[in-house]
């Protein structure tokens, strides 16, 4: 009878452990190349209104700002604007605003 209880306890513990595991948040990453040669990666996570940028070799978190159309994110001297039509611009390091486009990665 002791062996039966041990097996039931082990199965119950595993079931509770697996049910408590949370799946990873959905995420979207895009790589952009701009007209002035700037290249950056931006990441978006569900349930988070911020944009996470990797630009000039440094990570930067941008807060979502009020925008008339599309989405605007800014912080640390960087402004990222993603228009409703898909047009994207970035302004950083006192450089002028420049147009950017998504780099399509080939399938692996």
C-alpha atoms as a PDB file:
ATOM      1  CA  UNK A   1       0.000   0.000   0.000  1.00  0.00           C
ATOM      2  CA  UNK A   2       2.929   2.390   0.665  1.00  0.00           C
ATOM      3  CA  UNK A   3       4.197   2.025  -2.887  1.00  0.00           C
ATOM      4  CA  UNK A   4       0.731   2.848  -4.288  1.00  0.00           C
ATOM      5  CA  UNK A   5       0.561   6.057  -2.199  1.00  0.00           C
ATOM      6  CA  UNK A   6       4.050   7.092  -3.366  1.00  0.00           C
ATOM      7  CA  UNK A   7       3.080   6.662  -7.028  1.00  0.00           C
ATOM      8  CA  UNK A   8      -0.168   8.619  -6.575  1.00  0.00           C
ATOM      9  CA  UNK A   9       1.739  11.379  -4.736  1.00  0.00           C
ATOM     10  CA  UNK A  10       4.348  11.573  -7.512  1.00  0.00           C
ATOM     11  CA  UNK A  11       1.712  11.770 -10.254  1.00  0.00           C
ATOM     12  CA  UNK A  12      -0.226  14.438  -8.331  1.00  0.00           C
ATOM     13  CA  UNK A  13       2.928  16.493  -7.761  1.00  0.00           C
ATOM     14  CA  UNK A  14       3.853  16.340 -11.458  1.00  0.00           C
ATOM     15  CA  UNK A  15       0.322  17.271 -12.542  1.00  0.00           C
ATOM     16  CA  UNK A  16       0.255  20.288 -10.233  1.00  0.00           C
ATOM     17  CA  UNK A  17       3.736  21.315 -11.368  1.00  0.00           C
ATOM     18  CA  UNK A  18       2.843  21.197 -15.055  1.00  0.00           C
ATOM     19  CA  UNK A  19      -0.414  23.057 -14.584  1.00  0.00           C
ATOM     20  CA  UNK A  20       1.441  25.879 -12.815  1.00  0.00           C
ATOM     21  CA  UNK A  21       3.843  26.422 -15.717  1.00  0.00           C
ATOM     22  CA  UNK A  22       2.933  29.577 -17.612  1.00  0.00           C
ATOM     23  CA  UNK A  23       3.462  29.724 -21.330  1.00  0.00           C
ATOM     24  CA  UNK A  24       5.823  32.386 -22.650  1.00  0.00           C
ATOM     25  CA  UNK A  25       4.226  35.704 -23.543  1.00  0.00           C
ATOM     26  CA  UNK A  26       3.507  36.165 -27.231  1.00  0.00           C
ATOM     27  CA  UNK A  27       6.133  38.325 -28.809  1.00  0.00           C
ATOM     28  CA  UNK A  28       6.954  39.995 -32.103  1.00  0.00           C
ATOM     29  CA  UNK A  29      10.423  40.994 -33.257  1.00  0.00           C
ATOM     30  CA  UNK A  30      11.210  43.017 -36.373  1.00  0.00           C
ATOM     31  CA  UNK A  31      14.500  44.127 -37.868  1.00  0.00           C
ATOM     32  CA  UNK A  32      14.572  47.517 -39.611  1.00  0.00           C
ATOM     33  CA  UNK A  33      17.032  49.244 -41.928  1.00  0.00           C
ATOM     34  CA  UNK A  34      16.770  53.014 -42.383  1.00  0.00           C
ATOM     35  CA  UNK A  35      17.645  55.360 -45.238  1.00  0.00           C
ATOM     36  CA  UNK A  36      20.589  56.808 -43.275  1.00  0.00           C
ATOM     37  CA  UNK A  37      22.108  53.342 -42.691  1.00  0.00           C
ATOM     38  CA  UNK A  38      20.785  52.880 -39.155  1.00  0.00           C
ATOM     39  CA  UNK A  39      19.727  49.334 -38.371  1.00  0.00           C
ATOM     40  CA  UNK A  40      17.746  48.259 -35.315  1.00  0.00           C
ATOM     41  CA  UNK A  41      15.631  45.475 -33.852  1.00  0.00           C
ATOM     42  CA  UNK A  42      12.352  46.183 -32.089  1.00  0.00           C
ATOM     43  CA  UNK A  43      10.440  43.749 -29.909  1.00  0.00           C
ATOM     44  CA  UNK A  44       6.843  43.897 -28.737  1.00  0.00           C
ATOM     45  CA  UNK A  45       5.275  41.699 -26.058  1.00  0.00           C
ATOM     46  CA  UNK A  46       1.592  41.077 -25.431  1.00  0.00           C
ATOM     47  CA  UNK A  47       0.345  42.745 -22.238  1.00  0.00           C
ATOM     48  CA  UNK A  48       3.165  45.327 -22.427  1.00  0.00           C
ATOM     49  CA  UNK A  49       2.689  48.707 -24.085  1.00  0.00           C
ATOM     50  CA  UNK A  50       6.413  49.417 -24.401  1.00  0.00           C
ATOM     51  CA  UNK A  51       8.727  48.799 -27.359  1.00  0.00           C
ATOM     52  CA  UNK A  52      12.081  47.163 -26.691  1.00  0.00           C
ATOM     53  CA  UNK A  53      14.789  48.384 -29.069  1.00  0.00           C
ATOM     54  CA  UNK A  54      18.322  47.233 -29.809  1.00  0.00           C
ATOM     55  CA  UNK A  55      19.927  50.195 -31.578  1.00  0.00           C
ATOM     56  CA  UNK A  56      23.592  51.180 -31.892  1.00  0.00           C
ATOM     57  CA  UNK A  57      24.497  48.100 -29.850  1.00  0.00           C
ATOM     58  CA  UNK A  58      22.530  49.186 -26.798  1.00  0.00           C
ATOM     59  CA  UNK A  59      19.151  48.067 -25.463  1.00  0.00           C
ATOM     60  CA  UNK A  60      16.565  50.819 -24.992  1.00  0.00           C
ATOM     61  CA  UNK A  61      13.013  50.596 -23.665  1.00  0.00           C
ATOM     62  CA  UNK A  62      10.584  53.072 -25.224  1.00  0.00           C
ATOM     63  CA  UNK A  63       7.294  54.052 -23.609  1.00  0.00           C
ATOM     64  CA  UNK A  64       4.172  54.289 -25.748  1.00  0.00           C
ATOM     65  CA  UNK A  65       3.100  57.900 -26.281  1.00  0.00           C
ATOM     66  CA  UNK A  66      -0.102  59.546 -27.434  1.00  0.00           C
ATOM     67  CA  UNK A  67      -0.454  59.493 -31.217  1.00  0.00           C
ATOM     68  CA  UNK A  68      -3.137  60.706 -33.608  1.00  0.00           C
ATOM     69  CA  UNK A  69      -2.707  57.694 -35.903  1.00  0.00           C
ATOM     70  CA  UNK A  70      -0.469  54.655 -35.630  1.00  0.00           C
ATOM     71  CA  UNK A  71       1.866  54.182 -32.678  1.00  0.00           C
ATOM     72  CA  UNK A  72       4.576  56.419 -31.247  1.00  0.00           C
ATOM     73  CA  UNK A  73       7.208  55.296 -28.749  1.00  0.00           C
ATOM     74  CA  UNK A  74       9.924  57.414 -27.165  1.00  0.00           C
ATOM     75  CA  UNK A  75      12.564  57.436 -24.478  1.00  0.00           C
ATOM     76  CA  UNK A  76      16.309  58.014 -23.997  1.00  0.00           C
ATOM     77  CA  UNK A  77      16.399  60.512 -26.884  1.00  0.00           C
ATOM     78  CA  UNK A  78      14.896  58.048 -29.370  1.00  0.00           C
ATOM     79  CA  UNK A  79      11.491  58.353 -31.049  1.00  0.00           C
ATOM     80  CA  UNK A  80       9.996  55.508 -33.062  1.00  0.00           C
ATOM     81  CA  UNK A  81       6.810  56.121 -35.073  1.00  0.00           C
ATOM     82  CA  UNK A  82       4.937  53.275 -36.758  1.00  0.00           C
ATOM     83  CA  UNK A  83       2.145  54.659 -38.940  1.00  0.00           C
ATOM     84  CA  UNK A  84      -1.172  52.947 -39.618  1.00  0.00           C
ATOM     85  CA  UNK A  85      -0.081  52.401 -43.230  1.00  0.00           C
ATOM     86  CA  UNK A  86       3.096  50.646 -42.094  1.00  0.00           C
ATOM     87  CA  UNK A  87       5.461  53.564 -42.624  1.00  0.00           C
ATOM     88  CA  UNK A  88       8.112  53.669 -39.916  1.00  0.00           C
ATOM     89  CA  UNK A  89      10.443  56.494 -38.903  1.00  0.00           C
ATOM     90  CA  UNK A  90      13.084  56.793 -36.206  1.00  0.00           C
ATOM     91  CA  UNK A  91      14.894  59.771 -34.714  1.00  0.00           C
ATOM     92  CA  UNK A  92      17.874  59.234 -32.450  1.00  0.00           C
ATOM     93  CA  UNK A  93      21.123  60.814 -31.300  1.00  0.00           C
ATOM     94  CA  UNK A  94      20.173  64.273 -32.559  1.00  0.00           C
ATOM     95  CA  UNK A  95      19.996  62.916 -36.105  1.00  0.00           C
ATOM     96  CA  UNK A  96      17.115  63.963 -38.361  1.00  0.00           C
ATOM     97  CA  UNK A  97      14.025  61.792 -38.694  1.00  0.00           C
ATOM     98  CA  UNK A  98      14.674  59.004 -41.179  1.00  0.00           C
ATOM     99  CA  UNK A  99      12.395  56.505 -42.947  1.00  0.00           C
ATOM    100  CA  UNK A 100      12.895  52.817 -42.176  1.00  0.00           C
ATOM    101  CA  UNK A 101      11.686  49.543 -43.657  1.00  0.00           C
ATOM    102  CA  UNK A 102      11.416  46.018 -42.281  1.00  0.00           C
ATOM    103  CA  UNK A 103      14.146  43.662 -43.430  1.00  0.00           C
ATOM    104  CA  UNK A 104      12.584  40.394 -44.524  1.00  0.00           C
ATOM    105  CA  UNK A 105      14.556  37.458 -43.209  1.00  0.00           C
ATOM    106  CA  UNK A 106      14.749  34.376 -45.437  1.00  0.00           C
ATOM    107  CA  UNK A 107      13.131  31.220 -44.057  1.00  0.00           C
ATOM    108  CA  UNK A 108      15.399  28.662 -42.471  1.00  0.00           C
END
